[in-house]
Amino acid sequence: MTQQNDDQDFDQQDDEKSAKGPSEFARMLEDSFKAPTRKLSVGDKIRGEILVVGKEDIFVSTGTMTDGLVQRRDLLDAEGSFPYKMGDVLDLYVTQVRGSEIRLSPKPTAKNLAEDLEDAFDMMLPIEGRVTEVCKGGVRVNIRGKIAFCPISQLDLSRTETGEEFVGQKLEFRITQFSEGGRNIVVSRRKLLEEQRGLSAGSFLEERHEGDIVPGKVMRLEAFGAFVEVAPGIQGLAHISELSWSRVATPQEAVSVGQELSFKILKIENIEGKLKVSLSLKQAGGQPWDNLPAEIAPGQVVDGKVTRCMKFGAFVELVPGIEGLIPLSEMSYTKRVMRSDELVKEGERITVMIKEVNPETRRLSLSLKDAGSDPWALVAQKFPVGAIISGRVERKEPYGIFVKLEDGITGLLPKSKAAEHPEFPFEKLKVGDTATVQVAEIRREERRISLDVPKDPGSEDWKSYAAPASATTGSFGTLGDKLKSAMEKKKK
């Protein structure tokens, strides 16, 4: 049925053409030449069919009486090949009209660009641009081949000094001023960010709560902490004290700009429509004391970093967030320490022994001296009771004198013992002098040695004996030999 109708239509058209005759066709052809034709201007956009593919030029229909030409090299793809054939349709721009010649290009002209940017300005649409350089008062931005100006105050939500950090970045802007046919363009990124922040603030308040762990990107570092973007246009502050369980002097020791990490929301405040978000990096991973490493146990010898030197001792960090104290009494066996910084310095890594661990009070007691060799380990063999030895006077007190026998070993000669021997030069001895004494008692657990005046009824030589100035600590063997020799001579 359909085929019969089509045949009837074609027959009817043939009959109409025959009725018009040759004169009618001549009139129609003449009318077509008189009809107004479209005139093209530079900047016009056309859609044309490829008519002829030449070696250098491609001929394209323009919808007018004149065909257009586009250079073949302008249509090559990334690999340098010509991907089109005769009959393909292209979107092109008029770049030149000269007499009967129309030049075309796939790239828009300055006029097209200006019109696109003006439309974006009129409709307040965001447009992408690349920051090309820093200039006076702001930066220059390349937007579709046009150079625009962005004031420094409109570059970001936060304050930026020069904008140097944005050079080379592709960002979205809003055109705030467009004049002189596109020769004067001013843009703002801040306005877009403020709008984004306003939109995301509502959803952030609904979705996020205090205590939540959220992803964040470090955007800026200040002396007091790090500003972190936790949602589009929304930044929170992680105070320097919340960046690490370890003590850090600057935020740069804990984080860097551009780093993406997890943060814990400590507090959210809505102050006059602006969100104030407090964050913590260290709390996002939990408390270190809740999961003590196996090596943090009494008796373990571990390495640590000295964090603070105080009058009463030094604090040492064993692992991030876990510190212990070395009291002055645990600093050295061989030296009387008055200040902790006499032996260790802040930032120095040292080896310590863990003496006590108290998870309830979260305190560690450490020892520096027990991490090395203990001079008291062989004290009974080196200084047996009854041995006559010489040492240096280390300290004088009203109740007696302290005599250093060797590094880390000091004994006390009570004044009451010296008083039993008026001939002993107790009052004459000064700090640094050499004194000859006898070991009276050893209490190793208490790390104490009690001394006495040498007792040898058969010899008075110790009274007149003066140790040579070059005598060294622990030279009791040589002195004993001399005393023994003196006694043998007296017997003879």
Protein backbone atom coordinates (compact mmCIF):
# COMPACT_ATOMS: atom_id res chain seq x y z
CA MET A 1 0.00 0.00 0.00
CA THR A 2 2.81 2.35 0.90
CA GLN A 3 4.70 1.56 -2.30
CA GLN A 4 1.64 2.39 -4.40
CA ASN A 5 1.23 5.77 -2.67
CA ASP A 6 4.91 6.61 -3.27
CA ASP A 7 4.58 5.74 -6.95
CA GLN A 8 1.54 7.94 -7.26
CA ASP A 9 3.45 10.88 -5.60
CA PHE A 10 6.38 10.56 -8.01
CA ASP A 11 4.01 10.39 -10.99
CA GLN A 12 2.24 13.49 -9.77
CA GLN A 13 5.58 15.40 -9.42
CA ASP A 14 6.56 14.40 -12.98
CA ASP A 15 3.25 15.64 -14.30
CA GLU A 16 3.73 19.01 -12.54
CA LYS A 17 7.23 19.43 -13.99
CA SER A 18 5.97 18.65 -17.51
CA ALA A 19 3.22 21.22 -17.14
CA LYS A 20 5.66 24.00 -16.18
CA GLY A 21 7.82 23.56 -19.28
CA PRO A 22 11.32 24.93 -20.01
CA SER A 23 10.34 28.57 -19.56
CA GLU A 24 9.29 27.91 -15.98
CA PHE A 25 12.66 26.36 -15.07
CA ALA A 26 14.51 29.32 -16.55
CA ARG A 27 12.46 31.67 -14.41
CA MET A 28 13.18 29.67 -11.25
CA LEU A 29 16.93 29.65 -11.99
CA GLU A 30 16.91 33.41 -12.50
CA ASP A 31 15.05 33.92 -9.19
CA SER A 32 17.65 31.82 -7.37
CA PHE A 33 20.45 34.18 -8.44
CA LYS A 34 18.40 37.18 -7.32
CA ALA A 35 17.76 35.66 -3.88
CA PRO A 36 19.85 37.24 -1.03
CA THR A 37 22.91 35.16 -0.06
CA ARG A 38 24.52 34.82 3.42
CA LYS A 39 27.56 37.00 4.01
CA LEU A 40 30.32 35.65 6.25
CA SER A 41 32.52 37.75 8.53
CA VAL A 42 35.66 37.05 10.50
CA GLY A 43 34.76 35.17 13.66
CA ASP A 44 31.67 33.44 12.26
CA LYS A 45 31.30 29.79 13.07
CA ILE A 46 30.18 27.48 10.25
CA ARG A 47 29.53 23.79 9.70
CA GLY A 48 30.77 22.71 6.30
CA GLU A 49 31.24 19.57 4.20
CA ILE A 50 34.65 18.65 2.80
CA LEU A 51 34.43 19.03 -0.99
CA VAL A 52 38.02 18.53 -2.14
CA VAL A 53 41.07 17.22 -0.29
CA GLY A 54 44.21 18.83 -1.66
CA LYS A 55 47.86 18.46 -0.72
CA GLU A 56 47.95 21.78 1.14
CA ASP A 57 44.38 23.13 1.20
CA ILE A 58 41.05 21.52 1.96
CA PHE A 59 37.95 22.97 0.23
CA VAL A 60 34.87 23.13 2.42
CA SER A 61 31.32 24.28 1.66
CA THR A 62 30.35 27.38 3.63
CA GLY A 63 26.63 27.62 2.94
CA THR A 64 27.32 30.54 0.62
CA MET A 65 28.16 30.92 -3.06
CA THR A 66 31.85 30.79 -2.14
CA ASP A 67 33.62 27.74 -0.79
CA GLY A 68 36.14 28.09 2.01
CA LEU A 69 39.70 26.91 2.36
CA VAL A 70 41.33 25.43 5.47
CA GLN A 71 44.97 24.48 5.56
CA ARG A 72 45.57 20.76 5.70
CA ARG A 73 48.17 21.09 8.50
CA ASP A 74 45.53 22.67 10.75
CA LEU A 75 43.50 19.46 10.62
CA LEU A 76 46.26 16.95 11.40
CA ASP A 77 45.83 14.83 14.54
CA ALA A 78 48.35 14.28 17.35
CA GLU A 79 50.18 11.64 15.31
CA GLY A 80 50.47 13.97 12.29
CA SER A 81 47.86 12.10 10.22
CA PHE A 82 44.95 13.58 8.29
CA PRO A 83 41.91 11.72 9.69
CA TYR A 84 39.21 13.14 7.34
CA LYS A 85 37.82 12.27 3.90
CA MET A 86 35.62 13.92 1.32
CA GLY A 87 32.08 14.28 2.62
CA ASP A 88 33.01 14.67 6.30
CA VAL A 89 31.47 17.63 8.10
CA LEU A 90 33.65 20.02 10.13
CA ASP A 91 33.00 22.83 12.59
CA LEU A 92 35.21 25.75 11.58
CA TYR A 93 35.71 29.46 12.21
CA VAL A 94 36.10 32.20 9.59
CA THR A 95 39.53 33.76 10.00
CA GLN A 96 39.78 35.84 6.84
CA VAL A 97 37.45 37.16 4.10
CA ARG A 98 39.24 38.70 1.14
CA GLY A 99 37.29 39.19 -2.09
CA SER A 100 36.09 35.78 -3.19
CA GLU A 101 38.41 33.93 -0.80
CA ILE A 102 37.28 32.68 2.60
CA ARG A 103 39.88 31.28 4.97
CA LEU A 104 38.79 28.88 7.72
CA SER A 105 40.37 27.37 10.84
CA PRO A 106 39.34 24.84 13.50
CA LYS A 107 40.59 27.30 16.14
CA PRO A 108 38.36 30.18 17.27
CA THR A 109 39.42 33.72 16.57
CA ALA A 110 39.87 36.48 19.12
CA LYS A 111 36.34 37.55 18.36
CA ASN A 112 34.97 34.11 19.18
CA LEU A 113 36.98 34.00 22.38
CA ALA A 114 35.75 37.41 23.42
CA GLU A 115 32.15 36.40 22.78
CA ASP A 116 32.55 33.20 24.82
CA LEU A 117 34.12 35.06 27.72
CA GLU A 118 31.48 37.77 27.56
CA ASP A 119 28.79 35.09 27.75
CA ALA A 120 30.55 33.60 30.79
CA PHE A 121 30.65 37.09 32.33
CA ASP A 122 26.98 37.78 31.62
CA MET A 123 25.82 34.41 32.94
CA MET A 124 28.32 34.38 35.88
CA LEU A 125 29.69 31.02 34.78
CA PRO A 126 32.97 29.60 36.14
CA ILE A 127 35.72 29.37 33.57
CA GLU A 128 39.08 27.61 33.68
CA GLY A 129 42.37 29.47 33.39
CA ARG A 130 46.07 28.92 33.98
CA VAL A 131 48.04 31.26 36.24
CA THR A 132 50.99 32.35 34.09
CA GLU A 133 52.94 34.83 36.20
CA VAL A 134 52.98 37.15 39.20
CA CYS A 135 52.49 40.84 38.51
CA LYS A 136 51.98 43.98 40.56
CA GLY A 137 48.98 43.54 42.83
CA GLY A 138 48.13 40.02 41.70
CA VAL A 139 48.66 37.44 38.96
CA ARG A 140 48.02 37.11 35.24
CA VAL A 141 45.72 34.31 34.08
CA ASN A 142 45.48 32.85 30.58
CA ILE A 143 41.81 32.13 29.84
CA ARG A 144 41.25 30.62 26.39
CA GLY A 145 44.07 32.66 24.91
CA LYS A 146 43.03 35.92 26.59
CA ILE A 147 45.10 37.38 29.44
CA ALA A 148 43.10 38.32 32.54
CA PHE A 149 44.12 39.88 35.84
CA CYS A 150 43.34 38.39 39.25
CA PRO A 151 43.98 40.63 42.30
CA ILE A 152 46.01 38.95 45.04
CA SER A 153 43.09 39.30 47.46
CA GLN A 154 40.84 37.36 45.07
CA LEU A 155 43.20 34.44 44.50
CA ASP A 156 42.32 32.36 47.55
CA LEU A 157 40.21 32.30 50.69
CA SER A 158 43.28 32.49 52.87
CA ARG A 159 45.84 35.25 52.72
CA THR A 160 48.65 34.78 50.23
CA GLU A 161 51.68 37.04 50.01
CA THR A 162 52.66 36.95 46.33
CA GLY A 163 50.69 34.17 44.65
CA GLU A 164 53.92 32.55 43.45
CA GLU A 165 52.72 29.15 44.68
CA PHE A 166 49.81 29.27 42.16
CA VAL A 167 51.92 29.91 39.04
CA GLY A 168 51.45 27.10 36.52
CA GLN A 169 48.25 25.79 38.11
CA LYS A 170 44.95 25.40 36.25
CA LEU A 171 42.15 26.85 38.39
CA GLU A 172 38.55 27.93 38.00
CA PHE A 173 37.71 31.64 38.10
CA ARG A 174 34.69 33.90 37.77
CA ILE A 175 34.89 36.90 35.45
CA THR A 176 34.06 40.00 37.49
CA GLN A 177 34.89 42.62 34.87
CA PHE A 178 34.77 42.45 31.04
CA SER A 179 35.28 45.54 28.90
CA GLU A 180 36.96 46.92 25.80
CA GLY A 181 35.98 43.89 23.73
CA GLY A 182 37.93 41.53 25.96
CA ARG A 183 41.07 43.63 26.31
CA ASN A 184 40.31 44.33 29.98
CA ILE A 185 39.29 41.22 31.94
CA VAL A 186 39.37 40.86 35.74
CA VAL A 187 38.68 37.52 37.41
CA SER A 188 38.20 36.21 40.94
CA ARG A 189 38.76 32.75 42.34
CA ARG A 190 37.76 33.77 45.86
CA LYS A 191 34.14 34.36 44.88
CA LEU A 192 33.82 30.81 43.57
CA LEU A 193 35.46 29.39 46.68
CA GLU A 194 33.15 31.37 48.95
CA GLU A 195 30.13 30.01 47.10
CA GLN A 196 31.48 26.46 47.30
CA ARG A 197 32.16 26.91 51.00
CA GLY A 198 28.65 28.15 51.61
CA LEU A 199 27.16 25.16 49.79
CA SER A 200 29.37 22.60 51.48
CA ALA A 201 29.08 24.13 54.96
CA GLY A 202 25.49 22.98 55.30
CA SER A 203 26.20 19.43 54.20
CA PHE A 204 29.35 19.32 56.34
CA LEU A 205 27.38 20.23 59.47
CA GLU A 206 24.84 17.54 58.68
CA GLU A 207 27.34 14.79 57.84
CA ARG A 208 30.24 15.48 60.20
CA HIS A 209 30.35 15.57 63.99
CA GLU A 210 32.93 16.04 66.73
CA GLY A 211 34.99 12.89 67.11
CA ASP A 212 34.72 11.87 63.45
CA ILE A 213 37.85 10.85 61.55
CA VAL A 214 37.93 12.67 58.21
CA PRO A 215 40.36 12.90 55.28
CA GLY A 216 42.09 16.23 54.87
CA LYS A 217 44.69 17.96 52.73
CA VAL A 218 47.31 20.24 54.29
CA MET A 219 46.92 23.60 52.56
CA ARG A 220 49.04 26.04 54.58
CA LEU A 221 51.50 26.03 57.47
CA GLU A 222 51.84 28.70 60.13
CA ALA A 223 54.01 28.86 63.26
CA PHE A 224 51.04 27.83 65.40
CA GLY A 225 49.75 24.94 63.28
CA ALA A 226 48.47 23.66 59.93
CA PHE A 227 45.38 24.65 57.95
CA VAL A 228 43.70 21.59 56.49
CA GLU A 229 40.94 21.39 53.84
CA VAL A 230 38.37 18.85 55.05
CA ALA A 231 35.65 19.71 52.48
CA PRO A 232 35.45 21.96 49.39
CA GLY A 233 36.00 25.49 50.68
CA ILE A 234 36.13 24.38 54.34
CA GLN A 235 39.41 24.47 56.22
CA GLY A 236 40.15 23.48 59.78
CA LEU A 237 43.12 24.20 62.03
CA ALA A 238 45.31 21.49 63.53
CA HIS A 239 47.25 23.22 66.31
CA ILE A 240 50.96 22.40 66.51
CA SER A 241 50.32 20.53 69.76
CA GLU A 242 47.88 18.24 67.89
CA LEU A 243 50.16 17.40 64.97
CA SER A 244 52.27 14.75 66.69
CA TRP A 245 52.58 12.85 69.94
CA SER A 246 56.23 13.88 69.81
CA ARG A 247 57.16 17.42 70.69
CA VAL A 248 57.78 19.44 67.52
CA ALA A 249 59.21 22.93 67.29
CA THR A 250 57.55 23.74 63.95
CA PRO A 251 54.64 22.22 61.97
CA GLN A 252 57.11 21.43 59.18
CA GLU A 253 58.59 18.69 61.39
CA ALA A 254 55.28 16.82 61.32
CA VAL A 255 53.51 17.63 58.02
CA SER A 256 54.05 19.27 54.63
CA VAL A 257 51.84 21.29 52.28
CA GLY A 258 49.87 19.07 49.91
CA GLN A 259 50.01 16.03 52.19
CA GLU A 260 46.74 14.07 52.48
CA LEU A 261 46.14 12.56 55.93
CA SER A 262 43.38 11.53 58.33
CA PHE A 263 42.33 13.97 61.07
CA LYS A 264 40.05 13.79 64.07
CA ILE A 265 37.47 16.55 64.47
CA LEU A 266 37.87 17.99 67.96
CA LYS A 267 35.35 20.82 67.72
CA ILE A 268 32.97 22.42 65.21
CA GLU A 269 31.70 25.97 65.76
CA ASN A 270 29.41 28.04 63.54
CA ILE A 271 30.35 31.66 64.21
CA GLU A 272 28.29 34.19 62.25
CA GLY A 273 27.87 31.77 59.38
CA LYS A 274 31.54 30.79 59.29
CA LEU A 275 32.64 27.33 60.34
CA LYS A 276 35.51 27.03 62.79
CA VAL A 277 36.85 23.48 62.82
CA SER A 278 39.52 22.26 65.24
CA LEU A 279 41.43 19.16 64.14
CA SER A 280 43.95 16.69 65.52
CA LEU A 281 46.35 14.58 63.54
CA LYS A 282 47.84 12.70 66.46
CA GLN A 283 44.49 11.65 67.94
CA ALA A 284 43.33 10.20 64.63
CA GLY A 285 45.54 7.21 65.36
CA GLY A 286 44.68 6.67 69.05
CA GLN A 287 46.69 7.05 72.26
CA PRO A 288 50.20 5.50 72.21
CA TRP A 289 49.81 4.39 75.85
CA ASP A 290 46.77 2.29 74.90
CA ASN A 291 48.99 0.00 72.81
CA LEU A 292 52.43 -0.11 74.38
CA PRO A 293 55.08 -1.77 72.22
CA ALA A 294 56.55 -4.99 73.62
CA GLU A 295 59.97 -3.39 74.10
CA ILE A 296 58.55 -0.89 76.60
CA ALA A 297 59.01 -3.08 79.66
CA PRO A 298 61.14 -2.97 82.86
CA GLY A 299 64.70 -4.16 82.30
CA GLN A 300 64.69 -3.47 78.56
CA VAL A 301 67.58 -1.45 77.11
CA VAL A 302 66.30 0.80 74.32
CA ASP A 303 67.27 3.86 72.30
CA GLY A 304 65.49 7.17 72.67
CA LYS A 305 65.63 10.86 71.86
CA VAL A 306 66.29 13.47 74.54
CA THR A 307 63.39 15.92 74.38
CA ARG A 308 63.99 18.14 77.43
CA CYS A 309 66.83 18.75 79.87
CA MET A 310 65.57 19.89 83.27
CA LYS A 311 67.29 20.60 86.59
CA PHE A 312 65.98 17.35 88.07
CA GLY A 313 66.69 15.12 85.07
CA ALA A 314 66.18 14.54 81.36
CA PHE A 315 63.06 13.45 79.44
CA VAL A 316 63.61 10.87 76.74
CA GLU A 317 61.10 9.86 74.05
CA LEU A 318 61.26 6.14 73.34
CA VAL A 319 58.46 6.03 70.73
CA PRO A 320 56.19 8.85 69.52
CA GLY A 321 54.04 9.94 72.46
CA ILE A 322 55.82 7.87 75.12
CA GLU A 323 58.42 9.67 77.23
CA GLY A 324 60.32 8.70 80.35
CA LEU A 325 62.40 10.56 82.91
CA ILE A 326 66.04 9.96 83.80
CA PRO A 327 66.54 11.41 87.31
CA LEU A 328 69.91 12.96 88.09
CA SER A 329 70.64 10.00 90.35
CA GLU A 330 70.35 7.68 87.34
CA MET A 331 72.59 9.68 85.04
CA SER A 332 76.06 8.34 85.86
CA TYR A 333 78.01 6.02 88.10
CA THR A 334 81.29 7.74 87.42
CA LYS A 335 80.34 11.40 87.74
CA ARG A 336 78.34 13.42 90.19
CA VAL A 337 75.83 15.14 87.93
CA MET A 338 74.44 18.49 89.03
CA ARG A 339 72.54 19.24 85.81
CA SER A 340 71.19 16.83 83.21
CA ASP A 341 72.65 18.80 80.31
CA GLU A 342 76.14 18.01 81.63
CA LEU A 343 75.79 14.57 80.04
CA VAL A 344 73.03 14.78 77.43
CA LYS A 345 71.66 17.42 75.07
CA GLU A 346 68.19 17.99 73.64
CA GLY A 347 67.76 16.19 70.33
CA GLU A 348 70.53 13.67 71.11
CA ARG A 349 69.81 9.96 70.78
CA ILE A 350 70.94 7.88 73.75
CA THR A 351 70.60 4.35 75.14
CA VAL A 352 68.70 3.91 78.40
CA MET A 353 67.36 1.13 80.59
CA ILE A 354 63.68 1.09 81.50
CA LYS A 355 63.47 0.85 85.29
CA GLU A 356 59.73 1.16 85.85
CA VAL A 357 56.55 1.37 83.72
CA ASN A 358 53.32 2.77 85.19
CA PRO A 359 50.47 2.66 82.62
CA GLU A 360 47.99 4.19 85.09
CA THR A 361 49.98 7.38 85.59
CA ARG A 362 51.55 7.03 82.12
CA ARG A 363 55.04 7.45 83.49
CA LEU A 364 58.34 5.76 82.72
CA SER A 365 61.38 5.74 84.96
CA LEU A 366 64.65 5.43 83.04
CA SER A 367 68.32 5.00 83.82
CA LEU A 368 71.26 6.12 81.75
CA LYS A 369 73.93 4.64 83.99
CA ASP A 370 72.39 1.14 84.08
CA ALA A 371 72.35 0.98 80.30
CA GLY A 372 76.15 0.68 80.33
CA SER A 373 78.67 -1.28 82.43
CA ASP A 374 78.22 -1.10 86.22
CA PRO A 375 81.47 -0.26 88.06
CA TRP A 376 79.97 -1.72 91.26
CA ALA A 377 79.69 -5.20 89.73
CA LEU A 378 83.27 -6.17 90.75
CA VAL A 379 83.72 -3.83 93.70
CA ALA A 380 84.30 -6.69 96.20
CA GLN A 381 87.10 -8.11 94.06
CA LYS A 382 88.73 -4.76 93.38
CA PHE A 383 88.41 -3.33 96.88
CA PRO A 384 88.18 -6.18 99.41
CA VAL A 385 87.57 -5.35 103.08
CA GLY A 386 90.90 -4.57 104.76
CA ALA A 387 92.61 -3.41 101.58
CA ILE A 388 94.70 -0.25 102.00
CA ILE A 389 94.25 2.04 99.04
CA SER A 390 94.75 5.63 97.99
CA GLY A 391 92.27 7.93 96.30
CA ARG A 392 91.39 11.54 95.65
CA VAL A 393 89.38 13.62 98.09
CA GLU A 394 86.17 14.34 96.19
CA ARG A 395 84.18 16.18 98.82
CA LYS A 396 84.49 17.30 102.44
CA GLU A 397 81.55 17.44 104.80
CA PRO A 398 81.39 18.15 108.55
CA TYR A 399 80.69 14.46 109.14
CA GLY A 400 83.49 13.09 106.98
CA ILE A 401 85.36 13.07 103.66
CA PHE A 402 84.40 11.33 100.41
CA VAL A 403 87.31 9.63 98.69
CA LYS A 404 87.05 8.63 95.03
CA LEU A 405 88.65 5.20 94.61
CA GLU A 406 87.98 4.95 90.83
CA ASP A 407 85.45 6.24 88.34
CA GLY A 408 82.01 5.51 89.79
CA ILE A 409 83.30 4.24 93.16
CA THR A 410 83.45 6.65 96.09
CA GLY A 411 83.80 5.76 99.77
CA LEU A 412 83.17 7.72 102.98
CA LEU A 413 85.70 8.14 105.75
CA PRO A 414 83.66 9.28 108.77
CA LYS A 415 85.13 12.03 110.92
CA SER A 416 84.50 9.88 113.97
CA LYS A 417 86.84 7.21 112.59
CA ALA A 418 89.55 9.77 111.83
CA ALA A 419 89.17 11.23 115.32
CA GLU A 420 90.40 7.94 116.79
CA HIS A 421 93.74 8.71 115.16
CA PRO A 422 94.68 12.31 115.98
CA GLU A 423 97.78 11.93 113.84
CA PHE A 424 95.61 11.44 110.68
CA PRO A 425 95.56 14.79 108.76
CA PHE A 426 91.78 14.96 108.54
CA GLU A 427 91.54 18.75 108.83
CA LYS A 428 94.46 19.38 106.49
CA LEU A 429 93.09 17.36 103.60
CA LYS A 430 91.52 19.42 100.82
CA VAL A 431 89.45 18.50 97.79
CA GLY A 432 91.80 17.05 95.19
CA ASP A 433 94.40 15.81 97.69
CA THR A 434 95.47 12.19 97.79
CA ALA A 435 94.44 10.25 100.88
CA THR A 436 95.44 6.75 101.99
CA VAL A 437 92.55 4.81 103.54
CA GLN A 438 91.47 1.28 104.36
CA VAL A 439 88.27 -0.46 103.23
CA ALA A 440 86.16 -1.12 106.33
CA GLU A 441 82.78 -2.23 104.92
CA ILE A 442 81.11 -2.80 101.54
CA ARG A 443 77.34 -2.57 101.03
CA ARG A 444 76.99 -3.29 97.32
CA GLU A 445 73.17 -3.22 97.21
CA GLU A 446 73.24 0.29 98.65
CA ARG A 447 76.33 1.17 96.59
CA ARG A 448 78.22 2.35 99.66
CA ILE A 449 81.77 1.80 100.91
CA SER A 450 82.78 2.72 104.44
CA LEU A 451 86.44 3.69 104.91
CA ASP A 452 88.75 3.85 107.91
CA VAL A 453 92.21 5.08 108.80
CA PRO A 454 94.73 2.34 107.87
CA LYS A 455 95.36 0.06 110.88
CA ASP A 456 98.82 -1.58 111.04
CA PRO A 457 100.18 -1.74 114.56
CA GLY A 458 103.56 -2.75 113.26
CA SER A 459 103.98 0.20 110.97
CA GLU A 460 103.70 3.95 111.17
CA ASP A 461 104.83 4.41 107.59
CA TRP A 462 101.33 5.34 106.35
CA LYS A 463 101.54 8.51 108.50
CA SER A 464 104.47 9.86 106.57
CA TYR A 465 103.57 8.38 103.21
CA ALA A 466 102.43 10.88 100.60
CA ALA A 467 101.16 9.53 97.34
CA PRO A 468 102.97 10.95 94.32
CA ALA A 469 101.17 13.66 92.45
CA SER A 470 100.93 11.37 89.46
CA ALA A 471 99.10 8.67 91.41
CA THR A 472 96.03 7.56 89.59
CA THR A 473 92.74 6.34 90.87
CA GLY A 474 92.70 2.70 91.73
CA SER A 475 96.51 2.47 92.33
CA PHE A 476 96.13 0.65 95.64
CA GLY A 477 98.15 -2.28 94.33
CA THR A 478 101.33 -0.22 93.96
CA LEU A 479 100.77 1.51 97.32
CA GLY A 480 100.14 -1.81 99.02
CA ASP A 481 103.39 -3.16 97.68
CA LYS A 482 105.26 -0.18 99.09
CA LEU A 483 103.66 -0.52 102.52
CA LYS A 484 104.37 -4.26 102.52
CA SER A 485 108.01 -3.55 101.64
CA ALA A 486 108.26 -0.95 104.42
CA MET A 487 106.87 -3.40 107.03
CA GLU A 488 109.30 -6.12 105.94
CA LYS A 489 112.22 -3.72 106.34
CA LYS A 490 111.06 -2.79 109.86
CA LYS A 491 110.85 -6.48 110.88
CA LYS A 492 114.43 -7.02 109.74
